[in-house]
């Protein structure tokens, strides 16, 4: 690490996007991921759609 950094040419807020949304990544255990991949393939639907449908059903049950 340098003792000093030169920020004289820096631009404040260069990457700030006020309307952007953060999508949190979800990390599944290996066996869970294999299960949902297999079930999604069996149903012929996208993995994301399958997982979202599972979670929506769980929300309805709660």
PDB file of N, CA and C in Angstrom:
ATOM      1  N   UNK A   1       0.831  -1.169   0.000  1.00  0.00           N
ATOM      2  CA  UNK A   1       0.000   0.000   0.000  1.00  0.00           C
ATOM      3  C   UNK A   1       0.879   1.238   0.000  1.00  0.00           C
ATOM      4  N   UNK A   2       0.510   2.207  -0.804  1.00  0.00           N
ATOM      5  CA  UNK A   2       1.299   3.431  -0.886  1.00  0.00           C
ATOM      6  C   UNK A   2       1.110   4.272   0.367  1.00  0.00           C
ATOM      7  N   UNK A   3       2.094   5.100   0.652  1.00  0.00           N
ATOM      8  CA  UNK A   3       2.004   6.010   1.795  1.00  0.00           C
ATOM      9  C   UNK A   3       0.965   7.095   1.513  1.00  0.00           C
ATOM     10  N   UNK A   4       0.867   7.530   0.245  1.00  0.00           N
ATOM     11  CA  UNK A   4      -0.100   8.569  -0.136  1.00  0.00           C
ATOM     12  C   UNK A   4      -0.710   8.232  -1.496  1.00  0.00           C
ATOM     13  N   UNK A   5      -1.929   8.675  -1.699  1.00  0.00           N
ATOM     14  CA  UNK A   5      -2.615   8.494  -2.976  1.00  0.00           C
ATOM     15  C   UNK A   5      -3.029   9.862  -3.502  1.00  0.00           C
ATOM     16  N   UNK A   6      -2.973  10.035  -4.827  1.00  0.00           N
ATOM     17  CA  UNK A   6      -3.330  11.309  -5.449  1.00  0.00           C
ATOM     18  C   UNK A   6      -4.755  11.226  -5.997  1.00  0.00           C
ATOM     19  N   UNK A   7      -5.665  11.936  -5.359  1.00  0.00           N
ATOM     20  CA  UNK A   7      -7.059  11.971  -5.798  1.00  0.00           C
ATOM     21  C   UNK A   7      -7.407  13.286  -6.504  1.00  0.00           C
ATOM     22  N   UNK A   8      -6.401  14.026  -6.949  1.00  0.00           N
ATOM     23  CA  UNK A   8      -6.655  15.339  -7.549  1.00  0.00           C
ATOM     24  C   UNK A   8      -7.452  15.254  -8.857  1.00  0.00           C
ATOM     25  N   UNK A   9      -7.388  14.119  -9.549  1.00  0.00           N
ATOM     26  CA  UNK A   9      -8.135  13.967 -10.806  1.00  0.00           C
ATOM     27  C   UNK A   9      -9.357  13.053 -10.632  1.00  0.00           C
ATOM     28  N   UNK A  10      -9.716  12.773  -9.398  1.00  0.00           N
ATOM     29  CA  UNK A  10     -10.861  11.905  -9.133  1.00  0.00           C
ATOM     30  C   UNK A  10     -12.165  12.628  -9.430  1.00  0.00           C
ATOM     31  N   UNK A  11     -13.197  11.848  -9.716  1.00  0.00           N
ATOM     32  CA  UNK A  11     -14.512  12.401 -10.021  1.00  0.00           C
ATOM     33  C   UNK A  11     -15.518  11.815  -9.025  1.00  0.00           C
ATOM     34  N   UNK A  12     -16.091  12.691  -8.207  1.00  0.00           N
ATOM     35  CA  UNK A  12     -17.032  12.244  -7.185  1.00  0.00           C
ATOM     36  C   UNK A  12     -18.314  11.725  -7.845  1.00  0.00           C
ATOM     37  N   UNK A  13     -18.769  10.553  -7.401  1.00  0.00           N
ATOM     38  CA  UNK A  13     -20.027   9.993  -7.868  1.00  0.00           C
ATOM     39  C   UNK A  13     -19.994   9.430  -9.276  1.00  0.00           C
ATOM     40  N   UNK A  14     -18.836   9.138  -9.815  1.00  0.00           N
ATOM     41  CA  UNK A  14     -18.713   8.669 -11.188  1.00  0.00           C
ATOM     42  C   UNK A  14     -19.541   7.413 -11.449  1.00  0.00           C
ATOM     43  N   UNK A  15     -19.595   6.516 -10.500  1.00  0.00           N
ATOM     44  CA  UNK A  15     -20.313   5.253 -10.685  1.00  0.00           C
ATOM     45  C   UNK A  15     -21.633   5.201  -9.921  1.00  0.00           C
ATOM     46  N   UNK A  16     -22.040   6.306  -9.320  1.00  0.00           N
ATOM     47  CA  UNK A  16     -23.290   6.346  -8.554  1.00  0.00           C
ATOM     48  C   UNK A  16     -24.478   6.334  -9.512  1.00  0.00           C
ATOM     49  N   UNK A  17     -25.403   5.418  -9.274  1.00  0.00           N
ATOM     50  CA  UNK A  17     -26.629   5.316 -10.071  1.00  0.00           C
ATOM     51  C   UNK A  17     -27.799   5.317  -9.093  1.00  0.00           C
ATOM     52  N   UNK A  18     -28.522   6.428  -8.971  1.00  0.00           N
ATOM     53  CA  UNK A  18     -29.560   6.536  -7.943  1.00  0.00           C
ATOM     54  C   UNK A  18     -30.721   5.561  -8.106  1.00  0.00           C
ATOM     55  N   UNK A  19     -31.021   5.132  -9.299  1.00  0.00           N
ATOM     56  CA  UNK A  19     -32.168   4.258  -9.529  1.00  0.00           C
ATOM     57  C   UNK A  19     -31.804   2.787  -9.657  1.00  0.00           C
ATOM     58  N   UNK A  20     -30.562   2.462  -9.393  1.00  0.00           N
ATOM     59  CA  UNK A  20     -30.149   1.068  -9.527  1.00  0.00           C
ATOM     60  C   UNK A  20     -30.608   0.267  -8.311  1.00  0.00           C
ATOM     61  N   UNK A  21     -30.841  -1.027  -8.520  1.00  0.00           N
ATOM     62  CA  UNK A  21     -31.226  -1.901  -7.426  1.00  0.00           C
ATOM     63  C   UNK A  21     -30.158  -2.974  -7.264  1.00  0.00           C
ATOM     64  N   UNK A  22     -29.983  -3.398  -6.042  1.00  0.00           N
ATOM     65  CA  UNK A  22     -28.993  -4.432  -5.743  1.00  0.00           C
ATOM     66  C   UNK A  22     -29.703  -5.768  -5.645  1.00  0.00           C
ATOM     67  N   UNK A  23     -29.270  -6.726  -6.420  1.00  0.00           N
ATOM     68  CA  UNK A  23     -29.795  -8.084  -6.352  1.00  0.00           C
ATOM     69  C   UNK A  23     -28.795  -8.916  -5.570  1.00  0.00           C
ATOM     70  N   UNK A  24     -29.217  -9.395  -4.416  1.00  0.00           N
ATOM     71  CA  UNK A  24     -28.293 -10.158  -3.584  1.00  0.00           C
ATOM     72  C   UNK A  24     -28.072 -11.548  -4.177  1.00  0.00           C
ATOM     73  N   UNK A  25     -26.824 -11.951  -4.281  1.00  0.00           N
ATOM     74  CA  UNK A  25     -26.547 -13.292  -4.794  1.00  0.00           C
ATOM     75  C   UNK A  25     -26.919 -14.336  -3.743  1.00  0.00           C
ATOM     76  N   UNK A  26     -27.442 -15.434  -4.183  1.00  0.00           N
ATOM     77  CA  UNK A  26     -27.807 -16.528  -3.297  1.00  0.00           C
ATOM     78  C   UNK A  26     -26.902 -17.711  -3.624  1.00  0.00           C
ATOM     79  N   UNK A  27     -26.265 -18.254  -2.606  1.00  0.00           N
ATOM     80  CA  UNK A  27     -25.368 -19.383  -2.796  1.00  0.00           C
ATOM     81  C   UNK A  27     -26.003 -20.627  -2.192  1.00  0.00           C
ATOM     82  N   UNK A  28     -26.249 -21.627  -3.019  1.00  0.00           N
ATOM     83  CA  UNK A  28     -26.870 -22.861  -2.577  1.00  0.00           C
ATOM     84  C   UNK A  28     -25.813 -23.915  -2.275  1.00  0.00           C
ATOM     85  N   UNK A  29     -26.129 -24.790  -1.328  1.00  0.00           N
ATOM     86  CA  UNK A  29     -25.262 -25.939  -1.094  1.00  0.00           C
ATOM     87  C   UNK A  29     -25.268 -26.797  -2.360  1.00  0.00           C
ATOM     88  N   UNK A  30     -24.207 -27.554  -2.551  1.00  0.00           N
ATOM     89  CA  UNK A  30     -24.066 -28.351  -3.774  1.00  0.00           C
ATOM     90  C   UNK A  30     -25.249 -29.291  -3.997  1.00  0.00           C
ATOM     91  N   UNK A  31     -25.668 -29.993  -2.942  1.00  0.00           N
ATOM     92  CA  UNK A  31     -26.764 -30.954  -3.115  1.00  0.00           C
ATOM     93  C   UNK A  31     -28.084 -30.253  -3.418  1.00  0.00           C
ATOM     94  N   UNK A  32     -28.298 -29.075  -2.843  1.00  0.00           N
ATOM     95  CA  UNK A  32     -29.515 -28.314  -3.119  1.00  0.00           C
ATOM     96  C   UNK A  32     -29.494 -27.816  -4.558  1.00  0.00           C
ATOM     97  N   UNK A  33     -28.362 -27.311  -4.993  1.00  0.00           N
ATOM     98  CA  UNK A  33     -28.250 -26.809  -6.361  1.00  0.00           C
ATOM     99  C   UNK A  33     -28.482 -27.923  -7.374  1.00  0.00           C
ATOM    100  N   UNK A  34     -27.917 -29.079  -7.133  1.00  0.00           N
ATOM    101  CA  UNK A  34     -28.125 -30.201  -8.055  1.00  0.00           C
ATOM    102  C   UNK A  34     -29.600 -30.610  -8.097  1.00  0.00           C
ATOM    103  N   UNK A  35     -30.254 -30.603  -6.943  1.00  0.00           N
ATOM    104  CA  UNK A  35     -31.666 -30.947  -6.877  1.00  0.00           C
ATOM    105  C   UNK A  35     -32.514 -29.985  -7.710  1.00  0.00           C
ATOM    106  N   UNK A  36     -32.333 -28.674  -7.480  1.00  0.00           N
ATOM    107  CA  UNK A  36     -33.168 -27.711  -8.202  1.00  0.00           C
ATOM    108  C   UNK A  36     -32.836 -27.693  -9.691  1.00  0.00           C
ATOM    109  N   UNK A  37     -31.583 -27.913 -10.043  1.00  0.00           N
ATOM    110  CA  UNK A  37     -31.225 -27.993 -11.466  1.00  0.00           C
ATOM    111  C   UNK A  37     -31.918 -29.167 -12.133  1.00  0.00           C
ATOM    112  N   UNK A  38     -31.914 -30.314 -11.446  1.00  0.00           N
ATOM    113  CA  UNK A  38     -32.549 -31.506 -11.994  1.00  0.00           C
ATOM    114  C   UNK A  38     -34.060 -31.323 -12.120  1.00  0.00           C
ATOM    115  N   UNK A  39     -34.694 -30.781 -11.089  1.00  0.00           N
ATOM    116  CA  UNK A  39     -36.143 -30.576 -11.111  1.00  0.00           C
ATOM    117  C   UNK A  39     -36.546 -29.547 -12.170  1.00  0.00           C
ATOM    118  N   UNK A  40     -35.778 -28.500 -12.323  1.00  0.00           N
ATOM    119  CA  UNK A  40     -36.070 -27.490 -13.344  1.00  0.00           C
ATOM    120  C   UNK A  40     -35.949 -28.107 -14.735  1.00  0.00           C
ATOM    121  N   UNK A  41     -34.928 -28.931 -14.937  1.00  0.00           N
ATOM    122  CA  UNK A  41     -34.744 -29.593 -16.233  1.00  0.00           C
ATOM    123  C   UNK A  41     -35.894 -30.554 -16.520  1.00  0.00           C
ATOM    124  N   UNK A  42     -36.337 -31.282 -15.491  1.00  0.00           N
ATOM    125  CA  UNK A  42     -37.455 -32.209 -15.666  1.00  0.00           C
ATOM    126  C   UNK A  42     -38.723 -31.474 -16.086  1.00  0.00           C
ATOM    127  N   UNK A  43     -38.937 -30.293 -15.510  1.00  0.00           N
ATOM    128  CA  UNK A  43     -40.129 -29.507 -15.833  1.00  0.00           C
ATOM    129  C   UNK A  43     -39.943 -28.663 -17.092  1.00  0.00           C
ATOM    130  N   UNK A  44     -38.702 -28.576 -17.561  1.00  0.00           N
ATOM    131  CA  UNK A  44     -38.422 -27.802 -18.770  1.00  0.00           C
ATOM    132  C   UNK A  44     -38.536 -26.299 -18.569  1.00  0.00           C
ATOM    133  N   UNK A  45     -38.201 -25.838 -17.347  1.00  0.00           N
ATOM    134  CA  UNK A  45     -38.248 -24.398 -17.083  1.00  0.00           C
ATOM    135  C   UNK A  45     -36.882 -23.903 -16.628  1.00  0.00           C
ATOM    136  N   UNK A  46     -36.723 -22.605 -16.685  1.00  0.00           N
ATOM    137  CA  UNK A  46     -35.475 -21.960 -16.291  1.00  0.00           C
ATOM    138  C   UNK A  46     -35.227 -22.164 -14.797  1.00  0.00           C
ATOM    139  N   UNK A  47     -33.989 -22.340 -14.426  1.00  0.00           N
ATOM    140  CA  UNK A  47     -33.615 -22.567 -13.033  1.00  0.00           C
ATOM    141  C   UNK A  47     -34.104 -21.429 -12.139  1.00  0.00           C
ATOM    142  N   UNK A  48     -33.914 -20.189 -12.559  1.00  0.00           N
ATOM    143  CA  UNK A  48     -34.350 -19.040 -11.758  1.00  0.00           C
ATOM    144  C   UNK A  48     -35.860 -19.064 -11.546  1.00  0.00           C
ATOM    145  N   UNK A  49     -36.610 -19.379 -12.587  1.00  0.00           N
ATOM    146  CA  UNK A  49     -38.066 -19.451 -12.459  1.00  0.00           C
ATOM    147  C   UNK A  49     -38.475 -20.547 -11.480  1.00  0.00           C
ATOM    148  N   UNK A  50     -37.811 -21.678 -11.564  1.00  0.00           N
ATOM    149  CA  UNK A  50     -38.130 -22.796 -10.674  1.00  0.00           C
ATOM    150  C   UNK A  50     -37.890 -22.419  -9.212  1.00  0.00           C
ATOM    151  N   UNK A  51     -36.739 -21.831  -8.930  1.00  0.00           N
ATOM    152  CA  UNK A  51     -36.409 -21.447  -7.550  1.00  0.00           C
ATOM    153  C   UNK A  51     -37.364 -20.360  -7.060  1.00  0.00           C
ATOM    154  N   UNK A  52     -37.673 -19.388  -7.900  1.00  0.00           N
ATOM    155  CA  UNK A  52     -38.616 -18.342  -7.500  1.00  0.00           C
ATOM    156  C   UNK A  52     -39.989 -18.928  -7.204  1.00  0.00           C
ATOM    157  N   UNK A  53     -40.432 -19.886  -8.005  1.00  0.00           N
ATOM    158  CA  UNK A  53     -41.727 -20.523  -7.760  1.00  0.00           C
ATOM    159  C   UNK A  53     -41.725 -21.286  -6.438  1.00  0.00           C
ATOM    160  N   UNK A  54     -40.637 -21.982  -6.151  1.00  0.00           N
ATOM    161  CA  UNK A  54     -40.526 -22.685  -4.866  1.00  0.00           C
ATOM    162  C   UNK A  54     -40.622 -21.706  -3.698  1.00  0.00           C
ATOM    163  N   UNK A  55     -39.914 -20.621  -3.809  1.00  0.00           N
ATOM    164  CA  UNK A  55     -39.906 -19.649  -2.722  1.00  0.00           C
ATOM    165  C   UNK A  55     -41.257 -18.947  -2.582  1.00  0.00           C
ATOM    166  N   UNK A  56     -41.902 -18.679  -3.687  1.00  0.00           N
ATOM    167  CA  UNK A  56     -43.235 -18.064  -3.617  1.00  0.00           C
ATOM    168  C   UNK A  56     -44.232 -18.990  -2.925  1.00  0.00           C
ATOM    169  N   UNK A  57     -44.162 -20.285  -3.227  1.00  0.00           N
ATOM    170  CA  UNK A  57     -45.040 -21.241  -2.541  1.00  0.00           C
ATOM    171  C   UNK A  57     -44.754 -21.262  -1.044  1.00  0.00           C
ATOM    172  N   UNK A  58     -43.492 -21.188  -0.684  1.00  0.00           N
ATOM    173  CA  UNK A  58     -43.132 -21.157   0.724  1.00  0.00           C
ATOM    174  C   UNK A  58     -43.661 -19.877   1.388  1.00  0.00           C
ATOM    175  N   UNK A  59     -43.600 -18.761   0.685  1.00  0.00           N
ATOM    176  CA  UNK A  59     -44.147 -17.510   1.207  1.00  0.00           C
ATOM    177  C   UNK A  59     -45.646 -17.620   1.443  1.00  0.00           C
ATOM    178  N   UNK A  60     -46.356 -18.260   0.524  1.00  0.00           N
ATOM    179  CA  UNK A  60     -47.805 -18.424   0.664  1.00  0.00           C
ATOM    180  C   UNK A  60     -48.152 -19.297   1.869  1.00  0.00           C
ATOM    181  N   UNK A  61     -47.298 -20.281   2.167  1.00  0.00           N
ATOM    182  CA  UNK A  61     -47.543 -21.169   3.297  1.00  0.00           C
ATOM    183  C   UNK A  61     -47.248 -20.506   4.631  1.00  0.00           C
ATOM    184  N   UNK A  62     -46.401 -19.511   4.606  1.00  0.00           N
ATOM    185  CA  UNK A  62     -45.989 -18.836   5.877  1.00  0.00           C
ATOM    186  C   UNK A  62     -47.072 -17.929   6.409  1.00  0.00           C
TER     187      UNK A  62
END
